[in-house]
N, C-alpha and C. Protein backbone atom coordinates (compact mmCIF):
# COMPACT_ATOMS: atom_id res chain seq x y z
N UNK A 1 -37.11 33.48 -34.46
CA UNK A 1 -35.73 34.12 -34.69
C UNK A 1 -35.56 35.41 -33.51
N UNK A 2 -36.75 36.26 -32.96
CA UNK A 2 -36.77 37.01 -32.28
C UNK A 2 -36.51 36.62 -30.73
N UNK A 3 -36.82 35.31 -30.79
CA UNK A 3 -36.56 34.31 -28.99
C UNK A 3 -35.35 34.60 -28.90
N UNK A 4 -34.55 34.17 -30.03
CA UNK A 4 -32.98 33.83 -29.76
C UNK A 4 -32.46 34.82 -29.62
N UNK A 5 -32.61 36.23 -30.27
CA UNK A 5 -32.23 37.56 -29.93
C UNK A 5 -32.20 37.92 -28.73
N UNK A 6 -33.29 37.66 -28.18
CA UNK A 6 -33.54 38.02 -26.91
C UNK A 6 -32.87 37.39 -25.57
N UNK A 7 -32.77 35.79 -25.88
CA UNK A 7 -31.97 34.81 -24.86
C UNK A 7 -30.70 35.34 -24.98
N UNK A 8 -30.00 35.65 -26.29
CA UNK A 8 -28.49 35.99 -26.47
C UNK A 8 -28.26 37.24 -25.65
N UNK A 9 -29.36 38.32 -25.74
CA UNK A 9 -29.02 39.73 -25.06
C UNK A 9 -29.14 39.33 -23.55
N UNK A 10 -29.91 38.57 -23.07
CA UNK A 10 -30.07 38.27 -21.69
C UNK A 10 -28.76 37.54 -21.20
N UNK A 11 -28.24 36.90 -21.89
CA UNK A 11 -27.10 35.92 -21.42
C UNK A 11 -25.96 36.70 -21.34
N UNK A 12 -25.66 37.61 -22.32
CA UNK A 12 -24.66 38.77 -22.36
C UNK A 12 -24.83 39.58 -21.04
N UNK A 13 -25.87 40.11 -20.88
CA UNK A 13 -26.26 41.04 -19.58
C UNK A 13 -26.02 40.23 -18.46
N UNK A 14 -26.22 39.11 -18.20
CA UNK A 14 -25.83 38.37 -16.91
C UNK A 14 -24.62 37.96 -17.03
N UNK A 15 -23.80 38.10 -17.75
CA UNK A 15 -22.44 37.54 -17.75
C UNK A 15 -21.61 38.74 -17.43
N UNK A 16 -21.98 40.02 -18.27
CA UNK A 16 -21.50 41.15 -17.42
C UNK A 16 -21.57 41.42 -15.90
N UNK A 17 -22.97 41.34 -15.67
CA UNK A 17 -23.10 41.50 -14.30
C UNK A 17 -22.59 40.48 -13.37
N UNK A 18 -22.59 39.31 -13.79
CA UNK A 18 -21.60 38.39 -12.94
C UNK A 18 -20.29 38.40 -12.68
N UNK A 19 -19.78 38.97 -13.90
CA UNK A 19 -18.01 39.28 -13.91
C UNK A 19 -17.83 40.73 -13.27
N UNK A 20 -18.73 41.80 -13.07
CA UNK A 20 -18.41 42.71 -11.94
C UNK A 20 -18.72 42.65 -10.61
N UNK A 21 -19.55 41.67 -10.49
CA UNK A 21 -20.03 41.03 -8.92
C UNK A 21 -18.65 40.38 -7.92
N UNK A 22 -17.92 40.00 -8.92
CA UNK A 22 -16.75 39.41 -8.13
C UNK A 22 -15.77 40.26 -7.23
N UNK A 23 -15.31 39.75 -6.13
CA UNK A 23 -14.21 40.59 -5.20
C UNK A 23 -12.87 40.75 -5.91
N UNK A 24 -12.26 41.90 -5.87
CA UNK A 24 -10.82 41.85 -6.52
C UNK A 24 -10.05 41.91 -5.61
N UNK A 25 -8.73 41.01 -5.64
CA UNK A 25 -7.97 40.97 -4.46
C UNK A 25 -6.60 41.70 -5.04
N UNK A 26 -5.82 42.57 -4.23
CA UNK A 26 -5.04 43.33 -4.84
C UNK A 26 -3.89 43.24 -3.76
N UNK A 27 -2.64 43.81 -3.56
CA UNK A 27 -1.50 43.50 -2.87
C UNK A 27 -2.02 44.44 -1.52
N UNK A 28 -2.98 45.53 -1.64
CA UNK A 28 -3.39 46.19 -0.84
C UNK A 28 -4.36 46.00 0.22
N UNK A 29 -5.03 44.69 -0.08
CA UNK A 29 -6.12 44.34 0.59
C UNK A 29 -5.64 43.48 2.01
N UNK A 30 -6.09 43.68 3.14
CA UNK A 30 -5.52 43.23 4.47
C UNK A 30 -6.36 42.30 5.00
N UNK A 31 -7.70 41.95 4.45
CA UNK A 31 -8.58 41.13 4.81
C UNK A 31 -8.16 39.95 4.99
N UNK A 32 -8.22 39.23 6.08
CA UNK A 32 -7.65 37.86 6.61
C UNK A 32 -9.04 36.91 6.25
N UNK A 33 -8.45 35.47 5.64
CA UNK A 33 -9.64 34.55 5.48
C UNK A 33 -9.65 33.61 6.59
N UNK A 34 -10.80 33.36 7.03
CA UNK A 34 -11.16 32.42 8.34
C UNK A 34 -10.11 31.26 8.16
N UNK A 35 -9.91 30.80 7.41
CA UNK A 35 -8.78 29.24 7.29
C UNK A 35 -7.75 29.81 7.52
N UNK A 36 -7.08 31.13 7.19
CA UNK A 36 -5.73 31.44 7.27
C UNK A 36 -5.43 31.70 8.85
N UNK A 37 -6.43 32.12 9.51
CA UNK A 37 -6.33 32.49 11.06
C UNK A 37 -6.69 30.88 11.61
N UNK A 38 -7.06 30.04 11.34
CA UNK A 38 -7.04 28.80 12.08
C UNK A 38 -5.83 28.30 11.87
N UNK A 39 -5.19 28.46 10.66
CA UNK A 39 -3.96 27.75 10.55
C UNK A 39 -2.87 28.44 11.64
N UNK A 40 -2.95 29.75 11.40
CA UNK A 40 -1.96 30.47 12.73
C UNK A 40 -2.23 29.83 13.70
N UNK A 41 -3.31 29.80 14.52
CA UNK A 41 -3.79 29.50 15.54
C UNK A 41 -3.34 28.09 16.05
N UNK A 42 -3.20 27.25 14.95
CA UNK A 42 -3.08 25.72 15.41
C UNK A 42 -1.72 25.95 16.10
N UNK A 43 -1.76 24.84 17.12
CA UNK A 43 -0.57 24.18 17.89
C UNK A 43 -0.17 23.22 17.77
N UNK A 44 1.36 22.83 17.45
CA UNK A 44 1.83 21.87 17.18
C UNK A 44 2.50 21.37 18.39
N UNK A 45 1.90 19.77 18.49
CA UNK A 45 2.49 19.20 19.84
C UNK A 45 3.77 18.41 19.20
N UNK A 46 4.78 18.51 20.01
CA UNK A 46 6.03 17.96 19.81
C UNK A 46 5.93 16.69 20.49
N UNK A 47 6.32 15.23 20.08
CA UNK A 47 6.10 14.20 20.64
C UNK A 47 7.79 13.74 20.83
N UNK A 48 7.94 13.12 22.33
CA UNK A 48 9.21 12.77 22.61
C UNK A 48 9.18 11.54 22.14
N UNK A 49 10.74 11.34 21.31
CA UNK A 49 11.12 10.22 20.69
C UNK A 49 11.55 9.21 21.93
N UNK A 50 10.73 7.92 21.50
CA UNK A 50 11.32 6.93 22.79
C UNK A 50 12.21 5.91 21.65
N UNK A 51 13.59 5.89 22.32
CA UNK A 51 14.51 5.18 21.89
C UNK A 51 13.98 3.61 21.64
N UNK A 52 13.58 3.55 22.65
CA UNK A 52 13.27 1.61 23.01
C UNK A 52 12.22 1.15 22.68
N UNK A 53 11.22 2.02 21.88
CA UNK A 53 10.31 1.46 21.36
C UNK A 53 10.13 0.58 20.10
N UNK A 54 11.09 0.54 19.29
CA UNK A 54 11.19 -0.51 18.26
C UNK A 54 11.60 -1.92 18.85
N UNK A 55 12.42 -1.77 19.91
CA UNK A 55 12.88 -2.89 20.59
C UNK A 55 11.58 -3.52 21.51
N UNK A 56 10.93 -2.79 21.93
CA UNK A 56 9.84 -3.31 22.81
C UNK A 56 8.90 -4.10 21.71
N UNK A 57 8.52 -3.25 20.63
CA UNK A 57 7.51 -3.81 19.77
C UNK A 57 8.18 -4.88 19.07
N UNK A 58 9.45 -4.98 18.83
CA UNK A 58 10.16 -6.53 18.53
C UNK A 58 9.94 -7.58 19.40
N UNK A 59 10.28 -7.08 20.57
CA UNK A 59 10.23 -8.18 21.57
C UNK A 59 8.87 -8.57 21.69
N UNK A 60 7.72 -8.01 21.60
CA UNK A 60 6.54 -8.48 21.92
C UNK A 60 6.12 -9.19 21.14
N UNK A 61 6.32 -8.95 19.70
CA UNK A 61 6.18 -9.66 18.59
C UNK A 61 6.89 -11.04 18.76
N UNK A 62 8.23 -10.99 19.24
CA UNK A 62 9.09 -12.40 19.54
C UNK A 62 8.22 -13.44 20.30
N UNK A 63 7.82 -12.72 21.48
CA UNK A 63 7.03 -13.37 22.46
C UNK A 63 5.79 -14.08 22.14
N UNK A 64 4.78 -13.01 21.28
CA UNK A 64 3.73 -13.50 21.06
C UNK A 64 3.31 -12.88 19.67
N UNK A 65 3.34 -13.62 18.44
CA UNK A 65 2.95 -13.00 17.24
C UNK A 65 1.86 -12.19 16.88
N UNK A 66 2.10 -10.82 16.77
CA UNK A 66 0.83 -9.93 16.46
C UNK A 66 0.74 -8.98 17.82
N UNK A 67 1.54 -9.30 18.99
CA UNK A 67 1.71 -8.21 19.89
C UNK A 67 2.53 -7.02 19.66
N UNK A 68 3.21 -7.25 18.96
CA UNK A 68 4.10 -5.94 18.81
C UNK A 68 3.42 -5.18 17.49
N UNK A 69 2.71 -5.85 16.61
CA UNK A 69 1.70 -4.76 16.09
C UNK A 69 0.40 -4.41 16.76
N UNK A 70 0.04 -4.74 17.82
CA UNK A 70 -1.12 -3.98 18.88
C UNK A 70 -0.15 -3.12 19.52
N UNK A 71 0.99 -3.02 20.07
CA UNK A 71 1.81 -2.26 20.67
C UNK A 71 1.96 -0.86 19.67
N UNK A 72 2.00 -1.16 18.51
CA UNK A 72 2.30 -0.25 17.48
C UNK A 72 0.85 0.73 16.91
N UNK A 73 -0.33 -0.30 17.81
CA UNK A 73 -1.83 0.43 17.38
C UNK A 73 -2.00 0.24 15.96
N UNK A 74 -1.42 -0.88 15.28
CA UNK A 74 -1.86 -1.31 13.88
C UNK A 74 -2.84 -2.69 13.95
N UNK A 75 -3.76 -2.55 14.58
CA UNK A 75 -4.42 -3.82 14.70
C UNK A 75 -5.19 -4.64 13.64
N UNK A 76 -5.32 -3.97 12.28
CA UNK A 76 -5.34 -4.65 11.32
C UNK A 76 -4.51 -5.50 10.87
N UNK A 77 -3.25 -5.13 11.07
CA UNK A 77 -2.22 -6.60 10.69
C UNK A 77 -2.30 -7.65 11.69
N UNK A 78 -2.89 -7.56 12.77
CA UNK A 78 -3.09 -9.10 13.70
C UNK A 78 -3.61 -10.19 13.12
N UNK A 79 -4.67 -10.14 12.36
CA UNK A 79 -5.33 -11.06 11.70
C UNK A 79 -4.63 -11.54 10.56
N UNK A 80 -3.84 -10.68 9.85
CA UNK A 80 -2.75 -11.34 8.84
C UNK A 80 -1.68 -12.04 9.56
N UNK A 81 -1.09 -11.50 10.40
CA UNK A 81 -0.09 -12.13 11.03
C UNK A 81 -0.45 -13.58 11.82
N UNK A 82 -1.31 -13.59 12.15
CA UNK A 82 -2.18 -14.80 12.63
C UNK A 82 -2.25 -15.78 11.69
N UNK A 83 -2.68 -15.58 10.58
CA UNK A 83 -3.27 -16.10 9.36
C UNK A 83 -2.23 -16.65 8.77
N UNK A 84 -1.10 -15.97 8.55
CA UNK A 84 0.05 -16.45 8.05
C UNK A 84 0.75 -17.60 8.71
N UNK A 85 0.92 -17.23 10.10
CA UNK A 85 1.67 -18.15 10.75
C UNK A 85 1.08 -19.46 10.99
N UNK A 86 -0.31 -19.39 11.27
CA UNK A 86 -1.35 -20.47 11.43
C UNK A 86 -1.09 -21.47 10.15
N UNK A 87 -1.24 -20.61 8.92
CA UNK A 87 -0.90 -21.50 7.80
C UNK A 87 0.16 -22.28 7.43
N UNK A 88 1.07 -21.58 7.84
CA UNK A 88 2.62 -22.52 8.12
C UNK A 88 2.19 -23.69 8.85
N UNK A 89 2.02 -23.54 10.21
CA UNK A 89 1.71 -24.32 11.13
C UNK A 89 0.86 -25.76 10.59
N UNK A 90 -0.09 -25.17 10.02
CA UNK A 90 -1.44 -25.91 9.60
C UNK A 90 -0.78 -26.91 8.69
N UNK A 91 0.07 -26.67 7.70
CA UNK A 91 0.73 -27.50 6.58
C UNK A 91 1.76 -28.41 7.17
N UNK A 92 2.50 -27.70 7.87
CA UNK A 92 3.70 -28.63 8.80
C UNK A 92 2.95 -29.55 9.34
N UNK A 93 2.04 -29.51 10.26
CA UNK A 93 1.36 -30.54 11.01
C UNK A 93 0.50 -31.59 10.21
N UNK A 94 0.01 -31.13 8.71
CA UNK A 94 -0.63 -32.28 7.89
C UNK A 94 0.55 -32.73 7.39
N UNK A 95 1.61 -32.39 6.83
CA UNK A 95 2.74 -33.15 6.08
C UNK A 95 3.17 -33.92 7.20
N UNK A 96 3.43 -33.42 8.32
CA UNK A 96 3.75 -34.65 9.54
C UNK A 96 3.15 -35.81 9.63
N UNK A 97 1.77 -35.65 9.76
CA UNK A 97 0.69 -36.57 10.29
C UNK A 97 0.87 -37.64 8.59
N UNK A 98 0.67 -37.04 7.59
CA UNK A 98 0.93 -37.98 6.52
C UNK A 98 2.12 -38.75 6.39
N UNK A 99 3.32 -38.06 7.00
CA UNK A 99 4.41 -38.62 6.68
C UNK A 99 4.34 -40.11 7.68
N UNK A 100 3.73 -39.76 8.62
CA UNK A 100 3.82 -40.77 10.07
C UNK A 100 2.80 -41.95 9.47
N UNK A 101 1.83 -41.94 8.79
CA UNK A 101 1.23 -43.09 8.19
C UNK A 101 1.95 -43.55 7.17
N UNK A 102 2.70 -43.00 6.27
CA UNK A 102 3.27 -43.96 5.37
C UNK A 102 4.47 -44.48 6.18
N UNK A 103 5.21 -43.74 7.04
CA UNK A 103 6.24 -44.59 7.80
C UNK A 103 5.92 -45.55 8.64
N UNK A 104 4.66 -45.75 9.29
CA UNK A 104 4.32 -46.80 10.16
C UNK A 104 4.06 -47.81 9.17
N UNK A 105 3.34 -47.63 8.00
CA UNK A 105 3.01 -48.64 7.16
C UNK A 105 3.98 -49.33 6.57
N UNK A 106 5.43 -48.49 6.50
CA UNK A 106 6.45 -49.24 5.79
C UNK A 106 7.06 -50.07 6.87
N UNK A 107 7.09 -49.39 7.98
CA UNK A 107 7.84 -50.27 8.96
C UNK A 107 6.72 -51.52 9.76
N UNK A 108 5.86 -51.44 9.34
CA UNK A 108 4.91 -53.03 9.54
C UNK A 108 5.32 -53.69 8.40
N UNK A 109 5.45 -53.45 7.19
CA UNK A 109 5.84 -54.24 6.39
C UNK A 109 7.11 -54.85 6.46
N UNK A 110 8.34 -54.02 6.87
CA UNK A 110 9.64 -54.69 7.28
C UNK A 110 9.46 -55.67 8.30
N UNK A 111 8.43 -55.34 9.12
CA UNK A 111 8.33 -56.38 10.16
C UNK A 111 7.67 -57.70 9.94
N UNK A 112 7.08 -57.72 8.66
CA UNK A 112 6.62 -58.90 8.08
C UNK A 112 5.02 -59.00 8.01
N UNK A 113 4.35 -58.00 8.59
CA UNK A 113 2.99 -57.58 8.71
C UNK A 113 2.38 -57.46 7.29
N UNK A 114 1.26 -57.58 6.96
CA UNK A 114 0.59 -57.28 5.50
C UNK A 114 -0.75 -56.76 5.77
N UNK A 115 -1.00 -56.23 7.04
CA UNK A 115 -2.32 -55.48 7.45
C UNK A 115 -2.33 -54.21 7.61
N UNK A 116 -1.48 -53.16 7.05
CA UNK A 116 -1.23 -52.03 7.18
C UNK A 116 -2.56 -51.21 6.27
N UNK A 117 -2.62 -50.24 6.39
CA UNK A 117 -3.94 -49.67 5.79
C UNK A 117 -3.48 -49.19 4.36
N UNK A 118 -2.37 -49.56 3.53
CA UNK A 118 -2.04 -49.47 2.15
C UNK A 118 -2.17 -50.85 1.59
N UNK A 119 -2.52 -51.86 2.43
CA UNK A 119 -3.00 -53.25 1.78
C UNK A 119 -4.52 -53.25 1.78
N UNK A 120 -4.76 -54.38 0.63
CA UNK A 120 -6.27 -54.49 0.75
C UNK A 120 -6.74 -55.86 1.90
N UNK A 121 -8.19 -56.29 1.81
CA UNK A 121 -8.18 -57.04 2.94
C UNK A 121 -7.59 -58.42 2.65
N UNK A 122 -7.08 -59.13 1.51
CA UNK A 122 -6.24 -60.18 1.44
C UNK A 122 -4.90 -59.98 1.72
N UNK A 123 -4.41 -59.00 2.05
CA UNK A 123 -3.08 -58.49 2.36
C UNK A 123 -2.25 -58.31 1.09
N UNK A 124 -3.00 -58.13 0.20
CA UNK A 124 -2.12 -57.60 -1.08
C UNK A 124 -1.79 -56.08 -0.80
N UNK A 125 -0.49 -55.52 -1.31
CA UNK A 125 0.13 -54.24 -1.27
C UNK A 125 -0.94 -53.42 -2.53
N UNK A 126 -1.64 -52.30 -1.96
CA UNK A 126 -2.09 -51.40 -2.93
C UNK A 126 -1.14 -50.61 -3.41
N UNK A 127 0.16 -50.25 -2.48
CA UNK A 127 1.22 -49.16 -2.76
C UNK A 127 2.12 -50.10 -2.81
N UNK A 128 3.28 -50.24 -3.51
CA UNK A 128 4.69 -50.98 -3.31
C UNK A 128 5.22 -50.19 -1.98
N UNK A 129 6.35 -51.28 -1.69
CA UNK A 129 7.34 -50.64 -0.61
C UNK A 129 8.04 -49.41 -1.21
N UNK A 130 8.48 -49.28 -2.66
CA UNK A 130 9.00 -48.06 -3.23
C UNK A 130 8.02 -47.09 -3.18
N UNK A 131 7.07 -47.00 -3.52
CA UNK A 131 6.17 -46.09 -3.23
C UNK A 131 5.88 -45.61 -1.87
N UNK A 132 5.75 -46.59 -0.78
CA UNK A 132 5.83 -46.20 0.53
C UNK A 132 7.32 -45.13 0.53
N UNK A 133 8.18 -45.77 0.44
CA UNK A 133 9.76 -44.68 0.72
C UNK A 133 9.42 -43.37 -0.13
N UNK A 134 9.16 -43.56 -1.52
CA UNK A 134 8.85 -41.99 -2.33
C UNK A 134 7.80 -41.35 -1.48
N UNK A 135 6.55 -41.51 -1.19
CA UNK A 135 5.94 -40.76 -0.28
C UNK A 135 6.39 -40.24 0.85
N UNK A 136 7.10 -41.08 1.69
CA UNK A 136 7.80 -40.50 3.16
C UNK A 136 8.70 -39.31 2.50
N UNK A 137 9.62 -39.56 1.48
CA UNK A 137 10.42 -38.69 1.11
C UNK A 137 9.96 -37.40 1.03
N UNK A 138 8.72 -37.66 0.06
CA UNK A 138 7.95 -36.20 -0.34
C UNK A 138 7.35 -35.38 0.75
N UNK A 139 6.59 -36.36 1.90
CA UNK A 139 6.21 -35.51 2.90
C UNK A 139 7.13 -34.91 3.90
N UNK A 140 8.50 -35.44 4.01
CA UNK A 140 9.40 -35.11 4.71
C UNK A 140 9.84 -33.68 4.30
N UNK A 141 10.17 -33.78 2.83
CA UNK A 141 10.52 -32.43 2.36
C UNK A 141 9.25 -31.38 2.37
N UNK A 142 8.15 -31.84 2.37
CA UNK A 142 7.00 -30.71 2.39
C UNK A 142 7.16 -30.26 3.78
N UNK A 143 7.29 -31.21 5.00
CA UNK A 143 7.23 -30.61 6.41
C UNK A 143 8.37 -29.61 6.58
N UNK A 144 9.67 -29.90 5.94
CA UNK A 144 10.79 -29.05 6.08
C UNK A 144 10.45 -27.89 5.53
N UNK A 145 10.01 -27.77 4.32
CA UNK A 145 9.63 -26.42 3.79
C UNK A 145 8.56 -25.42 4.44
N UNK A 146 7.57 -26.30 5.11
CA UNK A 146 6.69 -25.93 5.71
C UNK A 146 7.07 -25.25 6.93
N UNK A 147 8.18 -25.93 7.32
CA UNK A 147 8.84 -25.34 8.87
C UNK A 147 9.86 -23.95 8.40
N UNK A 148 10.34 -24.29 7.57
CA UNK A 148 11.01 -23.14 6.88
C UNK A 148 10.34 -21.76 6.75
N UNK A 149 9.13 -21.86 5.81
CA UNK A 149 7.88 -21.08 5.55
C UNK A 149 7.67 -20.12 6.84
N UNK A 150 7.22 -21.09 7.87
CA UNK A 150 6.62 -20.78 9.27
C UNK A 150 7.60 -19.74 9.87
N UNK A 151 8.82 -20.46 10.00
CA UNK A 151 10.02 -19.57 10.91
C UNK A 151 10.27 -18.23 10.06
N UNK A 152 10.21 -18.30 8.52
CA UNK A 152 10.53 -17.05 7.81
C UNK A 152 9.37 -16.09 8.40
N UNK A 153 7.97 -16.45 8.23
CA UNK A 153 6.80 -15.62 8.57
C UNK A 153 6.97 -15.19 10.12
N UNK A 154 7.24 -15.88 11.04
CA UNK A 154 7.75 -15.67 12.31
C UNK A 154 8.68 -14.27 12.30
N UNK A 155 9.63 -14.66 11.91
CA UNK A 155 10.68 -13.37 11.68
C UNK A 155 10.21 -12.41 11.06
N UNK A 156 9.54 -12.24 9.86
CA UNK A 156 8.98 -11.28 9.09
C UNK A 156 7.87 -10.49 9.97
N UNK A 157 7.00 -11.15 11.25
CA UNK A 157 6.14 -10.60 12.07
C UNK A 157 7.13 -9.62 12.81
N UNK A 158 8.24 -10.10 13.46
CA UNK A 158 9.00 -9.16 14.09
C UNK A 158 9.90 -8.23 13.44
N UNK A 159 10.08 -8.32 12.34
CA UNK A 159 11.02 -7.12 11.41
C UNK A 159 9.67 -5.93 11.12
N UNK A 160 8.73 -6.54 10.99
CA UNK A 160 7.48 -5.69 10.62
C UNK A 160 7.33 -4.54 11.47
N UNK A 161 6.99 -5.34 12.97
CA UNK A 161 6.81 -4.56 14.11
C UNK A 161 8.07 -3.70 14.67
N UNK A 162 9.17 -4.03 14.44
CA UNK A 162 10.07 -3.23 14.71
C UNK A 162 10.31 -1.88 13.58
N UNK A 163 10.29 -2.27 12.49
CA UNK A 163 10.46 -1.11 11.42
C UNK A 163 8.99 -0.18 11.17
N UNK A 164 7.83 -0.74 11.60
CA UNK A 164 6.69 0.20 11.81
C UNK A 164 6.97 1.04 13.30
N UNK A 165 7.51 0.58 14.34
CA UNK A 165 7.85 1.32 15.37
C UNK A 165 8.58 2.52 14.95
N UNK A 166 9.59 2.21 14.41
CA UNK A 166 10.73 3.21 13.77
C UNK A 166 10.12 4.35 12.84
N UNK A 167 9.17 3.82 11.96
CA UNK A 167 8.48 4.70 11.28
C UNK A 167 7.50 5.74 11.96
N UNK A 168 6.63 5.35 12.84
CA UNK A 168 5.89 5.91 13.66
C UNK A 168 6.68 6.96 14.28
N UNK A 169 7.79 6.97 14.65
CA UNK A 169 8.69 8.26 15.51
C UNK A 169 9.26 9.07 14.41
N UNK A 170 8.92 8.66 13.06
CA UNK A 170 9.84 9.47 11.96
C UNK A 170 9.20 11.09 12.10
N UNK A 171 9.69 12.21 12.25
CA UNK A 171 9.40 13.34 12.43
C UNK A 171 9.00 13.85 11.03
N UNK A 172 7.77 14.67 10.83
CA UNK A 172 6.86 14.98 9.53
C UNK A 172 6.25 16.15 9.97
N UNK A 173 6.34 16.86 11.21
CA UNK A 173 5.69 18.13 11.26
C UNK A 173 6.37 19.18 10.59
N UNK A 174 5.61 20.50 10.77
CA UNK A 174 6.07 21.85 9.81
C UNK A 174 7.27 22.29 10.45
N UNK A 175 7.76 22.03 11.67
CA UNK A 175 9.08 22.74 12.19
C UNK A 175 10.04 22.16 11.54
N UNK A 176 10.31 20.98 11.07
CA UNK A 176 11.36 20.68 10.02
C UNK A 176 10.69 20.65 8.73
N UNK A 177 11.53 21.22 7.56
CA UNK A 177 10.90 20.84 6.55
C UNK A 177 12.01 21.12 5.45
N UNK A 178 12.08 20.71 4.23
CA UNK A 178 12.72 20.58 3.27
C UNK A 178 12.12 20.84 1.74
N UNK A 179 12.24 21.92 1.30
CA UNK A 179 11.38 22.51 0.08
C UNK A 179 12.31 23.00 -0.99
N UNK A 180 11.83 22.18 -2.30
CA UNK A 180 12.26 22.91 -3.23
C UNK A 180 12.01 24.36 -3.70
N UNK A 181 12.66 25.39 -4.37
CA UNK A 181 12.08 26.47 -4.77
C UNK A 181 12.76 26.82 -6.04
N UNK A 182 12.24 27.63 -6.92
CA UNK A 182 12.19 28.09 -8.17
C UNK A 182 12.30 29.66 -8.22
N UNK A 183 13.24 30.25 -8.67
CA UNK A 183 13.51 31.67 -8.52
C UNK A 183 13.73 32.22 -10.04
N UNK A 184 13.45 33.47 -10.54
CA UNK A 184 13.79 34.09 -11.71
C UNK A 184 14.98 35.10 -11.02
N UNK A 185 16.18 34.98 -11.68
CA UNK A 185 17.31 36.12 -11.37
C UNK A 185 17.04 37.02 -12.13
N UNK A 186 16.64 38.29 -11.72
CA UNK A 186 16.75 39.38 -12.81
C UNK A 186 17.81 39.93 -13.29
N UNK A 187 19.23 39.80 -12.25
CA UNK A 187 20.43 40.34 -12.67
C UNK A 187 20.93 39.79 -13.92
N UNK A 188 20.95 38.19 -14.10
CA UNK A 188 21.47 37.43 -14.81
C UNK A 188 20.43 36.80 -16.21
N UNK A 189 19.19 37.36 -16.02
CA UNK A 189 18.06 37.01 -16.67
C UNK A 189 18.36 35.40 -16.94
N UNK A 190 18.28 34.70 -15.64
CA UNK A 190 18.22 33.36 -15.81
C UNK A 190 17.45 32.81 -14.64
N UNK A 191 17.37 31.89 -14.72
CA UNK A 191 16.33 30.84 -13.82
C UNK A 191 17.11 30.12 -12.75
N UNK A 192 16.94 30.25 -11.31
CA UNK A 192 17.71 29.53 -10.15
C UNK A 192 16.80 28.52 -9.65
N UNK A 193 17.17 27.50 -9.52
CA UNK A 193 16.52 26.25 -9.00
C UNK A 193 17.46 26.03 -7.62
N UNK A 194 16.68 25.74 -6.25
CA UNK A 194 17.29 25.46 -5.11
C UNK A 194 16.63 24.61 -4.33
N UNK A 195 17.28 24.46 -3.16
CA UNK A 195 16.71 23.86 -2.09
C UNK A 195 16.64 24.62 -0.68
N UNK A 196 15.74 24.53 -0.18
CA UNK A 196 15.32 25.32 1.34
C UNK A 196 15.41 24.31 2.45
N UNK A 197 16.13 24.67 3.45
CA UNK A 197 16.01 23.95 4.59
C UNK A 197 15.54 24.70 6.25
N UNK A 198 14.15 24.41 6.58
CA UNK A 198 13.72 25.41 7.21
C UNK A 198 13.82 24.72 8.76
N UNK A 199 14.15 25.56 10.04
CA UNK A 199 14.31 24.75 11.49
C UNK A 199 13.58 26.12 12.21
N UNK A 200 12.53 25.35 12.94
CA UNK A 200 11.74 26.25 13.53
C UNK A 200 12.23 25.50 14.95
N UNK A 201 12.45 26.31 16.39
CA UNK A 201 12.61 25.89 17.33
C UNK A 201 11.79 26.31 18.49
């Protein structure tokens, strides 16, 4: 029991000593923090706005997909652009080759041959003529969809480069600010809510 009371007394003395050792700040204290001095000495560089930058980025992306992203220094987007457009081209070529296979086999059957790749060694058809026609229609449709998706991804690459170049020139520095403020009106005993626009030249 005695040990617990001594520990409690020591904790109380320590907390009182600790609370008095902190520095109090009031309105008459004029000491400056180091961080405040650094912020005050900071120099803001104004960047000139290039109105042709978005057009250049879009032009570069139109010439070579991903070049506009490189111009905007967004290098991480280049593999995404190449992968997306490359996937569309791959599926277009794959569906085109499958369409050619079924079309060539159908043409040979119309010419009277029975040695196409969809017939067995005896000349018996493994796939009927109607099956060859349906396969051609399906692969033609898939080929057209792949072409449309590839063109859409190519256009999206150009739009991304253009919009990104616009956003890179958006002014977000401290010389232009829009801040909401809350103020208590003592004369009317009510609160005022407002918006402050600051311009520094």
